[in-house]
């Protein structure tokens, strides 16, 4: 199967066919959720954030029946801190599906409900909690996880951020059979995606969420038709991508320009890059490597304000600041911010 990537690149999708046990094409990703001719499966869908919504939509559009949705509990959001349904939960409400929000998927009440629903298979995308063995054993076809990396690379909670931060040229998504190990299960199929030079983690995740949804739907079709067999992950090439904390998003101006650029893009939009100016946190949007002859003369973090742009020194040159966000204020162009704070020569970001 092949699909077109967000930048006009050809994005390869490979699923593993049972009859040949070799990687091979499986058709177009368009309408993947409606492919196949056999009977559909009863599915439980587990997911929480916006990135999981395309997958739920694809399965709702398929020949399979989504019998319920498992998502994280409603959470406070906005200035009023009112309780808000997760994006996946909101779509499930629109579709008239039962929404399950156990505190933990190991809760006995949830496990009883899962057994009563009797799903043939459970599809899971960024649910946000570990699934215990007692739940893994319920569906006869197991749990199929859509993970946003080319496994075994970037196992863990933040694979897209890791791909951007480490300068990967190619990443992708994989469907695999969930087991108790962290993203270690055998793989059904993959979709590849080029990482563009200016991609933020949000940009890349948006594209992978769409192409990954088609892959997930095609995987469920293949399982239903008996044409897919998962293969064990390679023992080589394993890397890990733990959750990115706010502290991890602080810019180290003593790093090379390329590393500063990649860090900022990797944590945009979440949790958001930041630095310190005059003792207060300053949020940062994506930056650009500077074509400034005097950039190499700037010390790490040193600011240089021009009429229409603001530069900050790095270990190997300088970057042009994009939007900045002072504490308690809206994002604004760096040049507007610099005029307001009246940067003095030699001031630095920390």
C-alpha atoms as a PDB file:
ATOM      1  CA  UNK A   1       0.000   0.000   0.000  1.00  0.00           C
ATOM      2  CA  UNK A   2       1.281   3.497  -0.734  1.00  0.00           C
ATOM      3  CA  UNK A   3      -0.051   6.872   0.244  1.00  0.00           C
ATOM      4  CA  UNK A   4       0.901  10.428  -0.615  1.00  0.00           C
ATOM      5  CA  UNK A   5       2.725  12.315   2.133  1.00  0.00           C
ATOM      6  CA  UNK A   6       2.002  15.861   3.211  1.00  0.00           C
ATOM      7  CA  UNK A   7       4.857  17.325   1.151  1.00  0.00           C
ATOM      8  CA  UNK A   8       4.184  15.549  -2.131  1.00  0.00           C
ATOM      9  CA  UNK A   9       6.614  12.780  -1.171  1.00  0.00           C
ATOM     10  CA  UNK A  10       5.581   9.193  -1.725  1.00  0.00           C
ATOM     11  CA  UNK A  11       4.861   7.680   1.655  1.00  0.00           C
ATOM     12  CA  UNK A  12       5.297   3.925   1.751  1.00  0.00           C
ATOM     13  CA  UNK A  13       2.948   1.676   3.678  1.00  0.00           C
ATOM     14  CA  UNK A  14       3.845  -1.962   4.125  1.00  0.00           C
ATOM     15  CA  UNK A  15       1.675  -4.646   5.680  1.00  0.00           C
ATOM     16  CA  UNK A  16       2.748  -8.246   6.273  1.00  0.00           C
ATOM     17  CA  UNK A  17       0.723 -10.821   4.340  1.00  0.00           C
ATOM     18  CA  UNK A  18       0.008 -14.173   5.878  1.00  0.00           C
ATOM     19  CA  UNK A  19       0.054 -16.107   2.627  1.00  0.00           C
ATOM     20  CA  UNK A  20       3.565 -15.054   1.605  1.00  0.00           C
ATOM     21  CA  UNK A  21       5.009 -13.921   4.950  1.00  0.00           C
ATOM     22  CA  UNK A  22       6.897 -11.231   3.026  1.00  0.00           C
ATOM     23  CA  UNK A  23       6.569  -7.457   2.997  1.00  0.00           C
ATOM     24  CA  UNK A  24       4.537  -6.320   0.039  1.00  0.00           C
ATOM     25  CA  UNK A  25       2.057  -3.783  -1.325  1.00  0.00           C
ATOM     26  CA  UNK A  26      -1.563  -4.053  -0.218  1.00  0.00           C
ATOM     27  CA  UNK A  27      -3.357  -1.393  -2.280  1.00  0.00           C
ATOM     28  CA  UNK A  28      -4.133   2.322  -1.884  1.00  0.00           C
ATOM     29  CA  UNK A  29      -4.588   3.892   1.540  1.00  0.00           C
ATOM     30  CA  UNK A  30      -7.591   5.873   0.313  1.00  0.00           C
ATOM     31  CA  UNK A  31     -10.698   4.121   1.604  1.00  0.00           C
ATOM     32  CA  UNK A  32      -8.523   1.614   3.431  1.00  0.00           C
ATOM     33  CA  UNK A  33     -11.132   1.312   6.191  1.00  0.00           C
ATOM     34  CA  UNK A  34     -13.716   0.022   3.668  1.00  0.00           C
ATOM     35  CA  UNK A  35     -11.495  -2.555   1.962  1.00  0.00           C
ATOM     36  CA  UNK A  36     -11.956  -6.294   2.276  1.00  0.00           C
ATOM     37  CA  UNK A  37     -15.018  -8.408   1.666  1.00  0.00           C
ATOM     38  CA  UNK A  38     -15.330 -10.567   4.762  1.00  0.00           C
ATOM     39  CA  UNK A  39     -17.459  -9.936   7.846  1.00  0.00           C
ATOM     40  CA  UNK A  40     -16.472  -7.086  10.113  1.00  0.00           C
ATOM     41  CA  UNK A  41     -15.099  -7.327  13.628  1.00  0.00           C
ATOM     42  CA  UNK A  42     -16.490  -6.018  16.892  1.00  0.00           C
ATOM     43  CA  UNK A  43     -14.000  -3.384  18.037  1.00  0.00           C
ATOM     44  CA  UNK A  44     -13.291  -1.444  21.178  1.00  0.00           C
ATOM     45  CA  UNK A  45     -11.311   1.707  20.415  1.00  0.00           C
ATOM     46  CA  UNK A  46      -8.947   3.160  23.027  1.00  0.00           C
ATOM     47  CA  UNK A  47      -7.469   6.630  22.574  1.00  0.00           C
ATOM     48  CA  UNK A  48      -7.443  10.100  24.058  1.00  0.00           C
ATOM     49  CA  UNK A  49      -5.806  13.054  22.210  1.00  0.00           C
ATOM     50  CA  UNK A  50      -6.544  14.744  18.906  1.00  0.00           C
ATOM     51  CA  UNK A  51      -3.934  12.566  17.174  1.00  0.00           C
ATOM     52  CA  UNK A  52      -6.151   9.518  17.800  1.00  0.00           C
ATOM     53  CA  UNK A  53      -9.292  11.062  16.309  1.00  0.00           C
ATOM     54  CA  UNK A  54      -8.513  10.236  12.635  1.00  0.00           C
ATOM     55  CA  UNK A  55      -8.088   6.581  13.596  1.00  0.00           C
ATOM     56  CA  UNK A  56     -11.459   6.438  15.324  1.00  0.00           C
ATOM     57  CA  UNK A  57     -13.057   8.166  12.316  1.00  0.00           C
ATOM     58  CA  UNK A  58     -11.465   5.636   9.960  1.00  0.00           C
ATOM     59  CA  UNK A  59     -12.809   2.698  11.959  1.00  0.00           C
ATOM     60  CA  UNK A  60     -16.271   4.258  12.230  1.00  0.00           C
ATOM     61  CA  UNK A  61     -16.164   4.522   8.426  1.00  0.00           C
ATOM     62  CA  UNK A  62     -15.099   0.902   8.006  1.00  0.00           C
ATOM     63  CA  UNK A  63     -17.043  -2.342   7.697  1.00  0.00           C
ATOM     64  CA  UNK A  64     -16.251  -3.066  11.354  1.00  0.00           C
ATOM     65  CA  UNK A  65     -18.425  -2.168  14.342  1.00  0.00           C
ATOM     66  CA  UNK A  66     -17.015   0.010  17.118  1.00  0.00           C
ATOM     67  CA  UNK A  67     -18.974  -1.112  20.172  1.00  0.00           C
ATOM     68  CA  UNK A  68     -17.435   1.270  22.725  1.00  0.00           C
ATOM     69  CA  UNK A  69     -14.640   3.775  23.264  1.00  0.00           C
ATOM     70  CA  UNK A  70     -12.114   3.760  26.093  1.00  0.00           C
ATOM     71  CA  UNK A  71     -10.559   7.142  26.877  1.00  0.00           C
ATOM     72  CA  UNK A  72      -9.013   9.036  29.752  1.00  0.00           C
ATOM     73  CA  UNK A  73     -11.291  10.804  32.203  1.00  0.00           C
ATOM     74  CA  UNK A  74     -12.545  14.323  31.574  1.00  0.00           C
ATOM     75  CA  UNK A  75      -9.909  16.878  32.566  1.00  0.00           C
ATOM     76  CA  UNK A  76      -9.990  20.578  33.575  1.00  0.00           C
ATOM     77  CA  UNK A  77      -9.081  22.954  30.741  1.00  0.00           C
ATOM     78  CA  UNK A  78      -9.072  26.668  29.953  1.00  0.00           C
ATOM     79  CA  UNK A  79      -9.071  29.622  32.298  1.00  0.00           C
ATOM     80  CA  UNK A  80     -12.285  28.501  33.930  1.00  0.00           C
ATOM     81  CA  UNK A  81     -10.794  25.023  34.490  1.00  0.00           C
ATOM     82  CA  UNK A  82     -14.083  23.424  33.493  1.00  0.00           C
ATOM     83  CA  UNK A  83     -14.129  19.687  32.920  1.00  0.00           C
ATOM     84  CA  UNK A  84     -13.696  18.840  29.231  1.00  0.00           C
ATOM     85  CA  UNK A  85     -14.108  15.542  27.396  1.00  0.00           C
ATOM     86  CA  UNK A  86     -11.059  14.217  25.569  1.00  0.00           C
ATOM     87  CA  UNK A  87     -11.083  14.713  21.754  1.00  0.00           C
ATOM     88  CA  UNK A  88     -11.677  10.982  21.270  1.00  0.00           C
ATOM     89  CA  UNK A  89     -14.435  10.991  23.872  1.00  0.00           C
ATOM     90  CA  UNK A  90     -16.106  13.961  22.171  1.00  0.00           C
ATOM     91  CA  UNK A  91     -16.178  12.144  18.818  1.00  0.00           C
ATOM     92  CA  UNK A  92     -17.553   9.033  20.510  1.00  0.00           C
ATOM     93  CA  UNK A  93     -20.333  11.138  22.023  1.00  0.00           C
ATOM     94  CA  UNK A  94     -21.174  12.513  18.560  1.00  0.00           C
ATOM     95  CA  UNK A  95     -21.313   8.965  17.190  1.00  0.00           C
ATOM     96  CA  UNK A  96     -23.571   7.804  20.025  1.00  0.00           C
ATOM     97  CA  UNK A  97     -21.055   5.291  21.346  1.00  0.00           C
ATOM     98  CA  UNK A  98     -20.660   4.185  24.967  1.00  0.00           C
ATOM     99  CA  UNK A  99     -17.657   5.979  26.499  1.00  0.00           C
ATOM    100  CA  UNK A 100     -15.635   4.211  29.183  1.00  0.00           C
ATOM    101  CA  UNK A 101     -13.405   6.311  31.456  1.00  0.00           C
ATOM    102  CA  UNK A 102     -12.042   4.050  34.194  1.00  0.00           C
ATOM    103  CA  UNK A 103      -9.440   5.469  36.531  1.00  0.00           C
ATOM    104  CA  UNK A 104      -7.223   2.570  35.484  1.00  0.00           C
ATOM    105  CA  UNK A 105      -7.822  -0.146  32.864  1.00  0.00           C
ATOM    106  CA  UNK A 106      -7.034  -2.672  35.588  1.00  0.00           C
ATOM    107  CA  UNK A 107     -10.171  -1.686  37.538  1.00  0.00           C
ATOM    108  CA  UNK A 108     -12.358  -4.795  38.036  1.00  0.00           C
ATOM    109  CA  UNK A 109     -15.477  -2.932  36.890  1.00  0.00           C
ATOM    110  CA  UNK A 110     -13.837  -2.007  33.575  1.00  0.00           C
ATOM    111  CA  UNK A 111     -12.576  -5.554  33.039  1.00  0.00           C
ATOM    112  CA  UNK A 112     -16.093  -6.906  33.621  1.00  0.00           C
ATOM    113  CA  UNK A 113     -17.465  -4.385  31.102  1.00  0.00           C
ATOM    114  CA  UNK A 114     -14.800  -5.303  28.564  1.00  0.00           C
ATOM    115  CA  UNK A 115     -15.657  -8.994  28.852  1.00  0.00           C
ATOM    116  CA  UNK A 116     -19.362  -8.222  28.497  1.00  0.00           C
ATOM    117  CA  UNK A 117     -18.710  -6.177  25.332  1.00  0.00           C
ATOM    118  CA  UNK A 118     -16.876  -9.203  23.891  1.00  0.00           C
ATOM    119  CA  UNK A 119     -14.801  -7.315  21.295  1.00  0.00           C
ATOM    120  CA  UNK A 120     -13.012  -9.391  18.673  1.00  0.00           C
ATOM    121  CA  UNK A 121     -10.155  -6.872  18.678  1.00  0.00           C
ATOM    122  CA  UNK A 122      -9.205  -3.666  20.491  1.00  0.00           C
ATOM    123  CA  UNK A 123      -7.544  -0.832  18.552  1.00  0.00           C
ATOM    124  CA  UNK A 124      -5.472   1.572  20.632  1.00  0.00           C
ATOM    125  CA  UNK A 125      -3.902   4.921  19.699  1.00  0.00           C
ATOM    126  CA  UNK A 126      -2.249   7.156  22.320  1.00  0.00           C
ATOM    127  CA  UNK A 127      -4.628   6.082  25.084  1.00  0.00           C
ATOM    128  CA  UNK A 128      -2.293   7.235  27.851  1.00  0.00           C
ATOM    129  CA  UNK A 129      -2.184   4.292  30.260  1.00  0.00           C
ATOM    130  CA  UNK A 130      -0.732   0.787  30.324  1.00  0.00           C
ATOM    131  CA  UNK A 131      -3.114  -2.033  29.475  1.00  0.00           C
ATOM    132  CA  UNK A 132      -2.839  -4.946  31.944  1.00  0.00           C
ATOM    133  CA  UNK A 133      -2.579  -8.598  30.982  1.00  0.00           C
ATOM    134  CA  UNK A 134      -6.134  -9.240  32.187  1.00  0.00           C
ATOM    135  CA  UNK A 135      -7.429  -6.818  29.538  1.00  0.00           C
ATOM    136  CA  UNK A 136      -4.976  -7.897  26.838  1.00  0.00           C
ATOM    137  CA  UNK A 137      -6.313 -11.434  27.041  1.00  0.00           C
ATOM    138  CA  UNK A 138      -9.986 -10.561  26.455  1.00  0.00           C
ATOM    139  CA  UNK A 139     -10.250 -10.036  22.651  1.00  0.00           C
ATOM    140  CA  UNK A 140      -9.441 -13.077  20.528  1.00  0.00           C
ATOM    141  CA  UNK A 141      -7.341 -10.990  18.112  1.00  0.00           C
ATOM    142  CA  UNK A 142      -5.685  -9.007  20.884  1.00  0.00           C
ATOM    143  CA  UNK A 143      -5.018  -5.287  21.007  1.00  0.00           C
ATOM    144  CA  UNK A 144      -3.595  -3.547  17.920  1.00  0.00           C
ATOM    145  CA  UNK A 145      -1.583  -0.426  18.707  1.00  0.00           C
ATOM    146  CA  UNK A 146      -0.837   2.386  16.262  1.00  0.00           C
ATOM    147  CA  UNK A 147       2.513   3.856  17.323  1.00  0.00           C
ATOM    148  CA  UNK A 148       4.013   6.953  15.707  1.00  0.00           C
ATOM    149  CA  UNK A 149       7.489   5.639  14.875  1.00  0.00           C
ATOM    150  CA  UNK A 150       9.174   2.960  12.795  1.00  0.00           C
ATOM    151  CA  UNK A 151       9.618   0.374  15.495  1.00  0.00           C
ATOM    152  CA  UNK A 152      11.887  -0.620  17.126  1.00  0.00           C
ATOM    153  CA  UNK A 153      13.031   3.020  16.904  1.00  0.00           C
ATOM    154  CA  UNK A 154      11.602   5.451  19.455  1.00  0.00           C
ATOM    155  CA  UNK A 155       9.627   3.189  21.733  1.00  0.00           C
ATOM    156  CA  UNK A 156       7.844   5.199  24.391  1.00  0.00           C
ATOM    157  CA  UNK A 157       5.566   8.164  24.972  1.00  0.00           C
ATOM    158  CA  UNK A 158       7.160  10.803  22.722  1.00  0.00           C
ATOM    159  CA  UNK A 159       8.329   9.227  19.447  1.00  0.00           C
ATOM    160  CA  UNK A 160       7.515  12.185  17.202  1.00  0.00           C
ATOM    161  CA  UNK A 161       9.315  14.668  19.458  1.00  0.00           C
ATOM    162  CA  UNK A 162      12.327  12.357  19.530  1.00  0.00           C
ATOM    163  CA  UNK A 163      12.435  12.040  15.735  1.00  0.00           C
ATOM    164  CA  UNK A 164      12.444  15.825  15.289  1.00  0.00           C
ATOM    165  CA  UNK A 165      14.925  16.513  18.083  1.00  0.00           C
ATOM    166  CA  UNK A 166      17.421  13.951  16.785  1.00  0.00           C
ATOM    167  CA  UNK A 167      17.207  15.151  13.203  1.00  0.00           C
ATOM    168  CA  UNK A 168      15.694  12.019  11.639  1.00  0.00           C
ATOM    169  CA  UNK A 169      15.115  12.381   7.885  1.00  0.00           C
ATOM    170  CA  UNK A 170      12.492   9.632   7.793  1.00  0.00           C
ATOM    171  CA  UNK A 171      10.061   8.480  10.439  1.00  0.00           C
ATOM    172  CA  UNK A 172       6.651   6.863  10.288  1.00  0.00           C
ATOM    173  CA  UNK A 173       4.056   4.849  12.122  1.00  0.00           C
ATOM    174  CA  UNK A 174       3.608   1.160  12.858  1.00  0.00           C
ATOM    175  CA  UNK A 175       0.766  -1.116  13.869  1.00  0.00           C
ATOM    176  CA  UNK A 176       1.726  -3.903  16.252  1.00  0.00           C
ATOM    177  CA  UNK A 177       0.148  -6.392  18.614  1.00  0.00           C
ATOM    178  CA  UNK A 178       0.198  -4.964  22.106  1.00  0.00           C
ATOM    179  CA  UNK A 179       1.907  -6.953  24.839  1.00  0.00           C
ATOM    180  CA  UNK A 180       3.080  -6.176  28.352  1.00  0.00           C
ATOM    181  CA  UNK A 181       6.507  -4.869  27.232  1.00  0.00           C
ATOM    182  CA  UNK A 182       6.842  -1.204  26.220  1.00  0.00           C
ATOM    183  CA  UNK A 183       6.057  -1.121  22.475  1.00  0.00           C
ATOM    184  CA  UNK A 184       7.813  -4.461  21.979  1.00  0.00           C
ATOM    185  CA  UNK A 185       5.087  -6.474  20.231  1.00  0.00           C
ATOM    186  CA  UNK A 186       5.256  -7.965  16.734  1.00  0.00           C
ATOM    187  CA  UNK A 187       4.566  -5.546  13.870  1.00  0.00           C
ATOM    188  CA  UNK A 188       1.706  -5.844  11.364  1.00  0.00           C
ATOM    189  CA  UNK A 189       2.602  -2.933   9.079  1.00  0.00           C
ATOM    190  CA  UNK A 190       4.301   0.440   8.719  1.00  0.00           C
ATOM    191  CA  UNK A 191       3.855   3.764   6.971  1.00  0.00           C
ATOM    192  CA  UNK A 192       6.839   6.041   6.315  1.00  0.00           C
ATOM    193  CA  UNK A 193       6.916   9.831   6.326  1.00  0.00           C
ATOM    194  CA  UNK A 194       9.660  12.295   5.387  1.00  0.00           C
ATOM    195  CA  UNK A 195      10.564  14.849   8.065  1.00  0.00           C
ATOM    196  CA  UNK A 196      10.719  18.311   6.474  1.00  0.00           C
ATOM    197  CA  UNK A 197      13.418  20.771   7.613  1.00  0.00           C
ATOM    198  CA  UNK A 198      10.865  23.127   9.185  1.00  0.00           C
ATOM    199  CA  UNK A 199       8.560  20.483  10.673  1.00  0.00           C
ATOM    200  CA  UNK A 200       7.458  20.956  14.256  1.00  0.00           C
ATOM    201  CA  UNK A 201       6.405  17.923  16.236  1.00  0.00           C
ATOM    202  CA  UNK A 202       2.827  19.122  15.796  1.00  0.00           C
ATOM    203  CA  UNK A 203       3.153  19.320  12.001  1.00  0.00           C
ATOM    204  CA  UNK A 204       4.637  15.853  11.761  1.00  0.00           C
ATOM    205  CA  UNK A 205       2.179  14.270  14.200  1.00  0.00           C
ATOM    206  CA  UNK A 206      -0.733  15.708  12.226  1.00  0.00           C
ATOM    207  CA  UNK A 207       0.425  13.982   9.047  1.00  0.00           C
ATOM    208  CA  UNK A 208       1.211  10.709  10.822  1.00  0.00           C
ATOM    209  CA  UNK A 209      -2.185  10.737  12.525  1.00  0.00           C
ATOM    210  CA  UNK A 210      -3.860  10.799   9.102  1.00  0.00           C
ATOM    211  CA  UNK A 211      -1.658   8.255   7.329  1.00  0.00           C
ATOM    212  CA  UNK A 212      -1.535   6.087  10.445  1.00  0.00           C
ATOM    213  CA  UNK A 213      -5.332   5.986  10.573  1.00  0.00           C
ATOM    214  CA  UNK A 214      -5.406   4.430   7.101  1.00  0.00           C
ATOM    215  CA  UNK A 215      -2.739   1.937   8.170  1.00  0.00           C
ATOM    216  CA  UNK A 216      -4.713   0.979  11.288  1.00  0.00           C
ATOM    217  CA  UNK A 217      -7.915   0.455   9.300  1.00  0.00           C
ATOM    218  CA  UNK A 218      -6.047  -1.661   6.740  1.00  0.00           C
ATOM    219  CA  UNK A 219      -4.467  -3.689   9.538  1.00  0.00           C
ATOM    220  CA  UNK A 220      -7.835  -4.446  11.122  1.00  0.00           C
ATOM    221  CA  UNK A 221      -9.138  -5.442   7.679  1.00  0.00           C
ATOM    222  CA  UNK A 222      -6.197  -7.784   7.201  1.00  0.00           C
ATOM    223  CA  UNK A 223      -6.710  -9.373  10.607  1.00  0.00           C
ATOM    224  CA  UNK A 224     -10.402  -9.899   9.865  1.00  0.00           C
ATOM    225  CA  UNK A 225      -9.612 -11.428   6.456  1.00  0.00           C
ATOM    226  CA  UNK A 226      -6.804 -13.616   7.795  1.00  0.00           C
ATOM    227  CA  UNK A 227      -4.269 -12.063   5.404  1.00  0.00           C
ATOM    228  CA  UNK A 228      -1.918 -10.453   7.928  1.00  0.00           C
ATOM    229  CA  UNK A 229       0.620 -11.965  10.259  1.00  0.00           C
ATOM    230  CA  UNK A 230       2.723  -9.839  12.630  1.00  0.00           C
ATOM    231  CA  UNK A 231       6.493 -10.188  12.637  1.00  0.00           C
ATOM    232  CA  UNK A 232       8.792  -9.831  15.645  1.00  0.00           C
ATOM    233  CA  UNK A 233      10.632  -6.532  15.860  1.00  0.00           C
ATOM    234  CA  UNK A 234      14.353  -6.551  15.024  1.00  0.00           C
ATOM    235  CA  UNK A 235      16.670  -6.817  17.999  1.00  0.00           C
ATOM    236  CA  UNK A 236      18.878  -4.062  16.548  1.00  0.00           C
ATOM    237  CA  UNK A 237      17.969  -0.385  16.231  1.00  0.00           C
ATOM    238  CA  UNK A 238      16.064  -0.093  19.494  1.00  0.00           C
ATOM    239  CA  UNK A 239      15.788   3.449  20.882  1.00  0.00           C
ATOM    240  CA  UNK A 240      13.543   5.026  23.491  1.00  0.00           C
ATOM    241  CA  UNK A 241      11.507   8.222  23.615  1.00  0.00           C
ATOM    242  CA  UNK A 242      10.345   8.983  27.158  1.00  0.00           C
ATOM    243  CA  UNK A 243       7.746  11.632  27.878  1.00  0.00           C
ATOM    244  CA  UNK A 244       9.065  15.170  27.414  1.00  0.00           C
ATOM    245  CA  UNK A 245       8.887  17.218  30.613  1.00  0.00           C
ATOM    246  CA  UNK A 246       8.692  21.014  30.766  1.00  0.00           C
ATOM    247  CA  UNK A 247      12.275  21.099  32.065  1.00  0.00           C
ATOM    248  CA  UNK A 248      13.413  19.233  28.929  1.00  0.00           C
ATOM    249  CA  UNK A 249      12.079  22.068  26.767  1.00  0.00           C
ATOM    250  CA  UNK A 250      14.450  24.725  28.128  1.00  0.00           C
ATOM    251  CA  UNK A 251      16.818  25.908  25.403  1.00  0.00           C
ATOM    252  CA  UNK A 252      20.538  25.397  25.947  1.00  0.00           C
ATOM    253  CA  UNK A 253      22.091  28.317  24.069  1.00  0.00           C
ATOM    254  CA  UNK A 254      25.527  26.707  24.393  1.00  0.00           C
ATOM    255  CA  UNK A 255      24.376  23.998  21.956  1.00  0.00           C
ATOM    256  CA  UNK A 256      25.017  24.246  18.196  1.00  0.00           C
ATOM    257  CA  UNK A 257      22.538  26.192  16.067  1.00  0.00           C
ATOM    258  CA  UNK A 258      21.099  23.028  14.498  1.00  0.00           C
ATOM    259  CA  UNK A 259      20.476  21.474  17.922  1.00  0.00           C
ATOM    260  CA  UNK A 260      18.703  24.614  19.181  1.00  0.00           C
ATOM    261  CA  UNK A 261      16.502  24.675  16.077  1.00  0.00           C
ATOM    262  CA  UNK A 262      15.600  20.995  16.411  1.00  0.00           C
ATOM    263  CA  UNK A 263      14.894  21.223  20.145  1.00  0.00           C
ATOM    264  CA  UNK A 264      12.487  24.126  19.707  1.00  0.00           C
ATOM    265  CA  UNK A 265      10.636  22.422  16.856  1.00  0.00           C
ATOM    266  CA  UNK A 266      10.485  19.130  18.747  1.00  0.00           C
ATOM    267  CA  UNK A 267       8.587  20.652  21.673  1.00  0.00           C
ATOM    268  CA  UNK A 268       6.241  22.783  19.559  1.00  0.00           C
ATOM    269  CA  UNK A 269       3.403  22.953  20.415  1.00  0.00           C
ATOM    270  CA  UNK A 270       3.756  20.803  23.528  1.00  0.00           C
ATOM    271  CA  UNK A 271       5.160  21.416  26.093  1.00  0.00           C
ATOM    272  CA  UNK A 272       6.622  24.484  24.348  1.00  0.00           C
ATOM    273  CA  UNK A 273      10.226  25.724  24.271  1.00  0.00           C
ATOM    274  CA  UNK A 274      11.309  28.323  26.785  1.00  0.00           C
ATOM    275  CA  UNK A 275      14.228  30.294  28.098  1.00  0.00           C
ATOM    276  CA  UNK A 276      14.809  32.895  30.822  1.00  0.00           C
ATOM    277  CA  UNK A 277      15.022  36.654  30.292  1.00  0.00           C
ATOM    278  CA  UNK A 278      15.590  39.078  33.175  1.00  0.00           C
ATOM    279  CA  UNK A 279      14.699  36.337  35.635  1.00  0.00           C
ATOM    280  CA  UNK A 280      11.368  35.380  34.067  1.00  0.00           C
ATOM    281  CA  UNK A 281      10.393  32.550  31.756  1.00  0.00           C
ATOM    282  CA  UNK A 282      10.020  33.461  28.093  1.00  0.00           C
ATOM    283  CA  UNK A 283       8.212  31.051  25.783  1.00  0.00           C
ATOM    284  CA  UNK A 284       9.657  30.514  22.313  1.00  0.00           C
ATOM    285  CA  UNK A 285       8.162  29.534  18.988  1.00  0.00           C
ATOM    286  CA  UNK A 286      10.232  27.985  16.168  1.00  0.00           C
ATOM    287  CA  UNK A 287      13.489  29.735  15.305  1.00  0.00           C
ATOM    288  CA  UNK A 288      15.518  30.015  12.092  1.00  0.00           C
ATOM    289  CA  UNK A 289      19.287  29.692  11.607  1.00  0.00           C
ATOM    290  CA  UNK A 290      20.571  33.231  11.028  1.00  0.00           C
ATOM    291  CA  UNK A 291      22.353  34.450   7.909  1.00  0.00           C
ATOM    292  CA  UNK A 292      24.076  37.144   9.938  1.00  0.00           C
ATOM    293  CA  UNK A 293      27.738  37.898   9.356  1.00  0.00           C
ATOM    294  CA  UNK A 294      28.225  38.858  12.979  1.00  0.00           C
ATOM    295  CA  UNK A 295      26.322  35.877  14.341  1.00  0.00           C
ATOM    296  CA  UNK A 296      29.478  34.034  15.272  1.00  0.00           C
ATOM    297  CA  UNK A 297      30.480  37.004  17.434  1.00  0.00           C
ATOM    298  CA  UNK A 298      27.443  36.630  19.672  1.00  0.00           C
ATOM    299  CA  UNK A 299      27.958  34.695  22.880  1.00  0.00           C
ATOM    300  CA  UNK A 300      25.552  31.804  23.595  1.00  0.00           C
ATOM    301  CA  UNK A 301      22.203  33.379  24.436  1.00  0.00           C
ATOM    302  CA  UNK A 302      23.346  36.922  23.669  1.00  0.00           C
ATOM    303  CA  UNK A 303      20.651  39.037  22.039  1.00  0.00           C
ATOM    304  CA  UNK A 304      21.031  41.275  19.021  1.00  0.00           C
ATOM    305  CA  UNK A 305      17.954  43.335  18.100  1.00  0.00           C
ATOM    306  CA  UNK A 306      17.449  44.725  14.604  1.00  0.00           C
ATOM    307  CA  UNK A 307      14.507  46.633  13.194  1.00  0.00           C
ATOM    308  CA  UNK A 308      12.574  43.601  11.998  1.00  0.00           C
ATOM    309  CA  UNK A 309      14.213  40.659  13.749  1.00  0.00           C
ATOM    310  CA  UNK A 310      15.945  39.525  16.931  1.00  0.00           C
ATOM    311  CA  UNK A 311      18.918  37.179  16.997  1.00  0.00           C
ATOM    312  CA  UNK A 312      20.213  34.994  19.812  1.00  0.00           C
ATOM    313  CA  UNK A 313      23.700  33.526  19.859  1.00  0.00           C
ATOM    314  CA  UNK A 314      24.433  29.803  19.955  1.00  0.00           C
ATOM    315  CA  UNK A 315      27.623  27.763  20.174  1.00  0.00           C
ATOM    316  CA  UNK A 316      28.087  27.893  16.406  1.00  0.00           C
ATOM    317  CA  UNK A 317      26.339  31.061  15.243  1.00  0.00           C
ATOM    318  CA  UNK A 318      22.916  32.535  15.868  1.00  0.00           C
ATOM    319  CA  UNK A 319      19.204  31.925  15.387  1.00  0.00           C
ATOM    320  CA  UNK A 320      16.423  34.344  14.501  1.00  0.00           C
ATOM    321  CA  UNK A 321      13.704  34.283  17.135  1.00  0.00           C
ATOM    322  CA  UNK A 322      10.157  33.797  15.862  1.00  0.00           C
ATOM    323  CA  UNK A 323       7.271  34.355  18.238  1.00  0.00           C
ATOM    324  CA  UNK A 324       7.951  34.827  21.925  1.00  0.00           C
ATOM    325  CA  UNK A 325       5.538  34.612  24.838  1.00  0.00           C
ATOM    326  CA  UNK A 326       6.246  36.590  28.009  1.00  0.00           C
ATOM    327  CA  UNK A 327       4.649  35.315  31.213  1.00  0.00           C
ATOM    328  CA  UNK A 328       0.946  36.166  31.337  1.00  0.00           C
ATOM    329  CA  UNK A 329       0.834  37.566  27.801  1.00  0.00           C
ATOM    330  CA  UNK A 330      -0.121  36.391  24.340  1.00  0.00           C
ATOM    331  CA  UNK A 331       2.521  35.285  21.811  1.00  0.00           C
ATOM    332  CA  UNK A 332       3.997  38.152  19.809  1.00  0.00           C
ATOM    333  CA  UNK A 333       6.672  38.673  17.132  1.00  0.00           C
ATOM    334  CA  UNK A 334      10.121  38.837  18.700  1.00  0.00           C
ATOM    335  CA  UNK A 335      10.821  42.252  17.130  1.00  0.00           C
ATOM    336  CA  UNK A 336       7.717  43.739  18.819  1.00  0.00           C
ATOM    337  CA  UNK A 337       8.729  42.199  22.134  1.00  0.00           C
ATOM    338  CA  UNK A 338      12.282  43.560  21.822  1.00  0.00           C
ATOM    339  CA  UNK A 339      11.052  47.087  21.219  1.00  0.00           C
ATOM    340  CA  UNK A 340       8.868  46.864  24.305  1.00  0.00           C
ATOM    341  CA  UNK A 341      11.534  45.562  26.694  1.00  0.00           C
ATOM    342  CA  UNK A 342      14.325  47.719  25.191  1.00  0.00           C
ATOM    343  CA  UNK A 343      17.098  45.166  25.018  1.00  0.00           C
ATOM    344  CA  UNK A 344      20.459  46.557  26.037  1.00  0.00           C
ATOM    345  CA  UNK A 345      23.760  45.489  24.413  1.00  0.00           C
ATOM    346  CA  UNK A 346      25.141  42.288  25.903  1.00  0.00           C
ATOM    347  CA  UNK A 347      21.890  41.029  27.434  1.00  0.00           C
ATOM    348  CA  UNK A 348      21.527  37.266  27.287  1.00  0.00           C
ATOM    349  CA  UNK A 349      18.868  34.582  27.433  1.00  0.00           C
ATOM    350  CA  UNK A 350      19.415  31.876  30.005  1.00  0.00           C
END
